[in-house]
Every structure is written in structure tokens, then in C-alpha cells.
Amino acid sequence: DEYFYKRETIKNDINFIAGCEFYVKLSDEQIKEQYEILKLQDEEDAKEFSEEDESEDDTDKSKKSTKNLERKAFHQIVLCKDMNGWKNACKLNYYSFLKPIDKSYDKSKGGYYYSPRISREFLFELKDGIIVTTSCMASEINRYITAGNIDKAYQLAELYKKNFKDDFYIELQINEVNTDEISQKNINKQLIQLSDDLQIKKIITGDVNYSEKYDKDGVC
């Protein structure tokens, strides 16, 4: 009420740590509930990007881009807009933790490897009731932007738009991250252009870990 927020969202990294408690709290106060989870999305093409960058070792920028794309996993925000979306998110969460020794394990869907992961194809398969965004700087699209591969960022944005239609948003985050390797302002500038070119709706977020300063001790 202090900040006149119309809607509040909780984002749990990797797992639904506070999902049930959050649901009960919002239901008691008759606030519209909306869940948000952060998944690590498996993408084998990351190896390809690293190899391409290694061949371009004539500038410091390309070396930093190589370092930025070394991982095979990316962050992806998933929002549940209805109960069907919640059920699909639970399925995504379940399969992301499975290991080869588990009977339900399916490599094409994802699985646990250092951290829980899901495949992009499996995310598209369970898209009903789900909203996705371009997410944070560690997301697939934003990593391409940081590496200077704008064409690939556009291709991915078009792919997400094709699958999620109006449930895919360009997320502009407001923070002060600005280093030699990565800059939120530079990413936002390119995302705005991408949004205008592809006619994808934009949202603004804070990507904050706590609402008030006094909450910091409980988070860090």
C-alpha cells in the first residue's frame, strides 16, 4: 500500500521455496496472486558460441564475450498467469531436478546437472498459461546481446514470440550494473530497439532481492 503497488510477484531462484506460503498470504489478503520462478535453461549452442569467440582473440571484447558465454545454461523467468500455468510450471520444476537414475528422467526435457535445468523445447511444449520475458542479464537473449551477436538475439526473440505470442515480453531492468564486461544500460538500449522492430511489448522491473532496506539481513 505504501508504494501503491497493484500487483506483487515473488521470484524463487531454481525452486518453489516460498510458493505455498506466498499463495496463502495473498489469498488471505485477497490480492491477485502471481507466481514467478527462475529456471536455468539448457542450451547446447553455448559451446558453439564459445568456440566462435575463441577464434576472434584480437580484441579484449571478444575475450570477455567468450568468458560470458562459457556456461551451457541460462536464466529464464517463468510467470504463471492461471492455474493451468501453475500446473505446467510445476511440471517444469519437477523434470528439471531429475537425474539419469530416475525413472521419469528425459534428457530432451532437461534434468539436474550442477543445477536444475529445462530445455527450451520443453518450455515451449508447456507454454499454456505461462508468461515469459527476456529476463535478466544472464538470460539467453541478453547474453547474445552482450556478446555482440544481435542477429541471434533477434532470432531467439522471434522464436519466443512465435510460441508465446502476447505472453512474451521484453524486460527492461533498472539497476546500476555497469562493468567492462556487461552493462544493463547497453542491454536495455538494444532491447528497446528489438522491441520496437519486432513489436513486442515491454515491461520494466527492478530485479530486486528485497522490498525494503531492513529486509537485507534476511536475504544476504
Protein backbone atom coordinates (compact mmCIF):
# COMPACT_ATOMS: atom_id res chain seq x y z
CA ASP A 1 0.00 0.00 0.00
CA GLU A 2 2.86 2.39 0.79
CA TYR A 3 4.08 2.28 -2.81
CA PHE A 4 0.65 1.79 -4.39
CA TYR A 5 1.64 -1.50 -5.96
CA LYS A 6 -1.23 -3.07 -7.87
CA ARG A 7 0.39 -6.47 -8.05
CA GLU A 8 3.18 -8.25 -6.24
CA THR A 9 5.27 -11.08 -7.59
CA ILE A 10 7.62 -13.45 -5.86
CA LYS A 11 10.57 -14.91 -7.76
CA ASN A 12 12.17 -18.03 -6.39
CA ASP A 13 15.55 -18.95 -7.82
CA ILE A 14 15.63 -22.57 -9.02
CA ASN A 15 12.82 -23.92 -6.81
CA PHE A 16 9.40 -23.05 -5.32
CA ILE A 17 10.86 -22.30 -1.91
CA ALA A 18 8.18 -19.85 -0.72
CA GLY A 19 5.41 -20.59 -3.22
CA CYS A 20 2.85 -22.15 -0.86
CA GLU A 21 3.38 -19.59 1.90
CA PHE A 22 3.09 -16.77 -0.62
CA TYR A 23 -0.13 -18.25 -2.05
CA VAL A 24 -1.76 -18.46 1.40
CA LYS A 25 -0.69 -14.93 2.32
CA LEU A 26 -2.03 -13.43 -0.88
CA SER A 27 -5.27 -15.40 -0.66
CA ASP A 28 -5.84 -14.17 2.91
CA GLU A 29 -5.38 -10.57 1.85
CA GLN A 30 -7.38 -11.03 -1.35
CA ILE A 31 -4.53 -9.88 -3.53
CA LYS A 32 -4.28 -11.30 -7.02
CA GLU A 33 -1.62 -13.97 -6.91
CA GLN A 34 1.09 -14.33 -9.48
CA TYR A 35 3.99 -16.73 -9.23
CA GLU A 36 7.40 -16.31 -10.68
CA ILE A 37 10.22 -18.81 -10.84
CA LEU A 38 13.70 -18.63 -12.25
CA LYS A 39 14.85 -21.60 -14.23
CA LEU A 40 18.17 -22.49 -15.70
CA GLN A 41 17.60 -23.25 -19.33
CA ASP A 42 19.83 -25.77 -21.01
CA GLU A 43 21.27 -24.62 -24.34
CA GLU A 44 23.94 -26.68 -26.10
CA ASP A 45 24.59 -23.89 -28.61
CA ALA A 46 26.56 -22.07 -25.91
CA LYS A 47 29.53 -24.29 -26.74
CA GLU A 48 29.29 -23.15 -30.34
CA PHE A 49 29.32 -19.52 -29.28
CA SER A 50 32.39 -20.03 -27.10
CA GLU A 51 34.27 -21.67 -29.94
CA GLU A 52 33.38 -18.83 -32.31
CA ASP A 53 34.51 -16.22 -29.82
CA GLU A 54 37.80 -18.03 -29.18
CA SER A 55 38.67 -17.64 -32.86
CA GLU A 56 38.31 -13.88 -32.53
CA ASP A 57 41.01 -13.22 -29.98
CA ASP A 58 42.23 -9.93 -31.46
CA THR A 59 40.32 -7.74 -29.03
CA ASP A 60 39.66 -7.74 -25.31
CA LYS A 61 35.95 -7.51 -26.04
CA SER A 62 35.81 -10.86 -27.80
CA LYS A 63 37.76 -12.48 -24.96
CA LYS A 64 35.23 -11.15 -22.47
CA SER A 65 32.40 -12.36 -24.68
CA THR A 66 33.93 -15.83 -24.65
CA LYS A 67 34.04 -15.80 -20.87
CA ASN A 68 30.44 -14.58 -20.77
CA LEU A 69 29.16 -17.48 -22.91
CA GLU A 70 31.16 -20.33 -21.39
CA ARG A 71 28.18 -21.72 -19.49
CA LYS A 72 25.71 -24.05 -21.16
CA ALA A 73 22.79 -22.81 -19.08
CA PHE A 74 20.90 -19.52 -19.00
CA HIS A 75 18.42 -17.88 -16.68
CA GLN A 76 14.76 -17.79 -17.73
CA ILE A 77 11.88 -16.24 -15.84
CA VAL A 78 8.56 -18.10 -15.96
CA LEU A 79 5.34 -16.44 -14.76
CA CYS A 80 2.12 -18.33 -14.09
CA LYS A 81 -0.94 -16.39 -15.16
CA ASP A 82 -3.55 -19.02 -14.22
CA MET A 83 -3.92 -22.43 -12.61
CA ASN A 84 -3.03 -24.24 -15.81
CA GLY A 85 0.18 -22.24 -15.93
CA TRP A 86 0.88 -23.17 -12.33
CA LYS A 87 0.48 -26.88 -13.15
CA ASN A 88 2.80 -26.56 -16.14
CA ALA A 89 5.36 -24.68 -14.07
CA CYS A 90 5.26 -27.48 -11.51
CA LYS A 91 5.96 -29.98 -14.30
CA LEU A 92 8.90 -27.88 -15.48
CA ASN A 93 10.17 -27.73 -11.92
CA TYR A 94 9.79 -31.49 -11.45
CA TYR A 95 11.63 -32.53 -14.59
CA SER A 96 14.42 -30.01 -14.00
CA PHE A 97 15.51 -31.90 -10.87
CA LEU A 98 15.52 -35.42 -12.34
CA LYS A 99 18.75 -37.31 -12.85
CA PRO A 100 19.55 -40.21 -15.24
CA ILE A 101 18.97 -42.70 -12.41
CA ASP A 102 15.35 -41.52 -12.04
CA LYS A 103 12.69 -43.49 -13.95
CA SER A 104 10.97 -40.35 -15.29
CA TYR A 105 14.23 -38.78 -16.49
CA ASP A 106 14.07 -37.46 -20.05
CA LYS A 107 17.17 -35.72 -21.39
CA SER A 108 15.13 -33.85 -24.01
CA LYS A 109 13.17 -32.14 -21.22
CA GLY A 110 16.13 -31.19 -19.06
CA GLY A 111 17.47 -32.57 -15.82
CA TYR A 112 19.83 -31.90 -12.97
CA TYR A 113 23.43 -31.18 -13.93
CA TYR A 114 25.15 -28.97 -11.34
CA SER A 115 21.79 -27.18 -11.14
CA PRO A 116 18.18 -27.87 -12.23
CA ARG A 117 17.64 -27.22 -15.95
CA ILE A 118 14.90 -27.39 -18.57
CA SER A 119 15.18 -27.42 -22.34
CA ARG A 120 13.77 -24.60 -24.41
CA GLU A 121 11.70 -27.12 -26.38
CA PHE A 122 10.09 -28.46 -23.19
CA LEU A 123 9.30 -24.91 -22.11
CA PHE A 124 7.55 -24.33 -25.44
CA GLU A 125 5.65 -27.59 -25.02
CA LEU A 126 4.25 -26.48 -21.65
CA LYS A 127 3.64 -22.86 -22.62
CA ASP A 128 -0.10 -22.84 -21.89
CA GLY A 129 -0.87 -20.46 -19.01
CA ILE A 130 2.73 -19.26 -18.82
CA ILE A 131 4.30 -15.85 -19.39
CA VAL A 132 7.99 -15.43 -20.15
CA THR A 133 10.26 -12.43 -20.51
CA THR A 134 13.76 -11.74 -21.79
CA SER A 135 14.71 -11.92 -18.10
CA CYS A 136 17.98 -10.75 -16.54
CA MET A 137 21.47 -10.24 -17.95
CA ALA A 138 22.16 -13.97 -17.58
CA SER A 139 19.35 -14.95 -19.95
CA GLU A 140 19.91 -16.44 -23.37
CA ILE A 141 18.85 -13.40 -25.40
CA ASN A 142 20.72 -10.92 -23.22
CA ARG A 143 23.91 -12.98 -23.34
CA TYR A 144 23.83 -12.81 -27.13
CA ILE A 145 23.37 -9.07 -26.93
CA THR A 146 26.33 -8.76 -24.57
CA ALA A 147 28.45 -10.88 -26.93
CA GLY A 148 27.52 -8.61 -29.83
CA ASN A 149 25.56 -11.30 -31.69
CA ILE A 150 22.48 -9.16 -32.24
CA ASP A 151 21.17 -11.26 -35.14
CA LYS A 152 20.93 -14.33 -32.92
CA ALA A 153 19.19 -12.28 -30.21
CA TYR A 154 16.59 -11.23 -32.80
CA GLN A 155 16.14 -14.82 -33.97
CA LEU A 156 15.50 -16.02 -30.43
CA ALA A 157 13.10 -13.17 -29.71
CA GLU A 158 11.13 -14.05 -32.84
CA LEU A 159 11.08 -17.71 -31.76
CA TYR A 160 9.72 -16.84 -28.31
CA LYS A 161 7.15 -14.50 -29.83
CA LYS A 162 6.02 -17.23 -32.23
CA ASN A 163 5.49 -19.68 -29.37
CA PHE A 164 4.19 -17.43 -26.59
CA LYS A 165 2.61 -14.69 -28.73
CA ASP A 166 1.34 -11.91 -26.40
CA ASP A 167 2.67 -13.77 -23.36
CA PHE A 168 6.28 -12.91 -24.25
CA TYR A 169 7.63 -9.59 -23.01
CA ILE A 170 10.82 -7.59 -23.39
CA GLU A 171 12.02 -6.98 -19.83
CA LEU A 172 13.90 -3.76 -19.10
CA GLN A 173 15.62 -3.94 -15.74
CA ILE A 174 16.58 -0.89 -13.74
CA ASN A 175 19.88 -1.43 -11.95
CA GLU A 176 23.37 0.04 -11.79
CA VAL A 177 25.30 -2.92 -13.18
CA ASN A 178 27.92 -1.38 -15.45
CA THR A 179 31.30 -3.10 -15.89
CA ASP A 180 33.78 -3.63 -18.69
CA GLU A 181 32.16 -6.96 -19.41
CA ILE A 182 28.47 -6.14 -19.15
CA SER A 183 26.18 -3.13 -18.87
CA GLN A 184 22.47 -3.16 -18.11
CA LYS A 185 22.00 0.21 -19.84
CA ASN A 186 23.55 -1.09 -23.04
CA ILE A 187 21.38 -4.20 -22.91
CA ASN A 188 18.26 -2.10 -22.31
CA LYS A 189 19.09 0.11 -25.28
CA GLN A 190 19.32 -2.88 -27.58
CA LEU A 191 16.20 -4.47 -26.08
CA ILE A 192 14.19 -1.33 -26.74
CA GLN A 193 15.26 -1.41 -30.38
CA LEU A 194 14.43 -5.11 -30.56
CA SER A 195 11.03 -4.48 -29.02
CA ASP A 196 10.19 -1.73 -31.49
CA ASP A 197 11.39 -3.72 -34.51
CA LEU A 198 9.53 -6.92 -33.60
CA GLN A 199 6.55 -5.19 -31.96
CA ILE A 200 6.94 -6.99 -28.64
CA LYS A 201 5.51 -5.38 -25.51
CA LYS A 202 7.90 -4.05 -22.88
CA ILE A 203 7.83 -4.25 -19.08
CA ILE A 204 10.04 -2.54 -16.51
CA THR A 205 11.29 -4.40 -13.44
CA GLY A 206 13.72 -3.76 -10.63
CA ASP A 207 15.20 -7.25 -10.27
CA VAL A 208 15.41 -6.61 -6.54
CA ASN A 209 16.12 -9.16 -3.82
CA TYR A 210 14.10 -7.43 -1.12
CA SER A 211 11.42 -4.72 -0.91
CA GLU A 212 12.79 -2.70 2.00
CA LYS A 213 16.31 -1.92 3.25
CA TYR A 214 15.60 -3.67 6.54
CA ASP A 215 14.88 -6.91 4.64
CA LYS A 216 18.51 -7.14 3.52
CA ASP A 217 19.75 -9.06 6.56
CA GLY A 218 17.27 -11.82 5.90
CA VAL A 219 18.35 -12.19 2.26
CA CYS A 220 22.12 -11.78 2.19
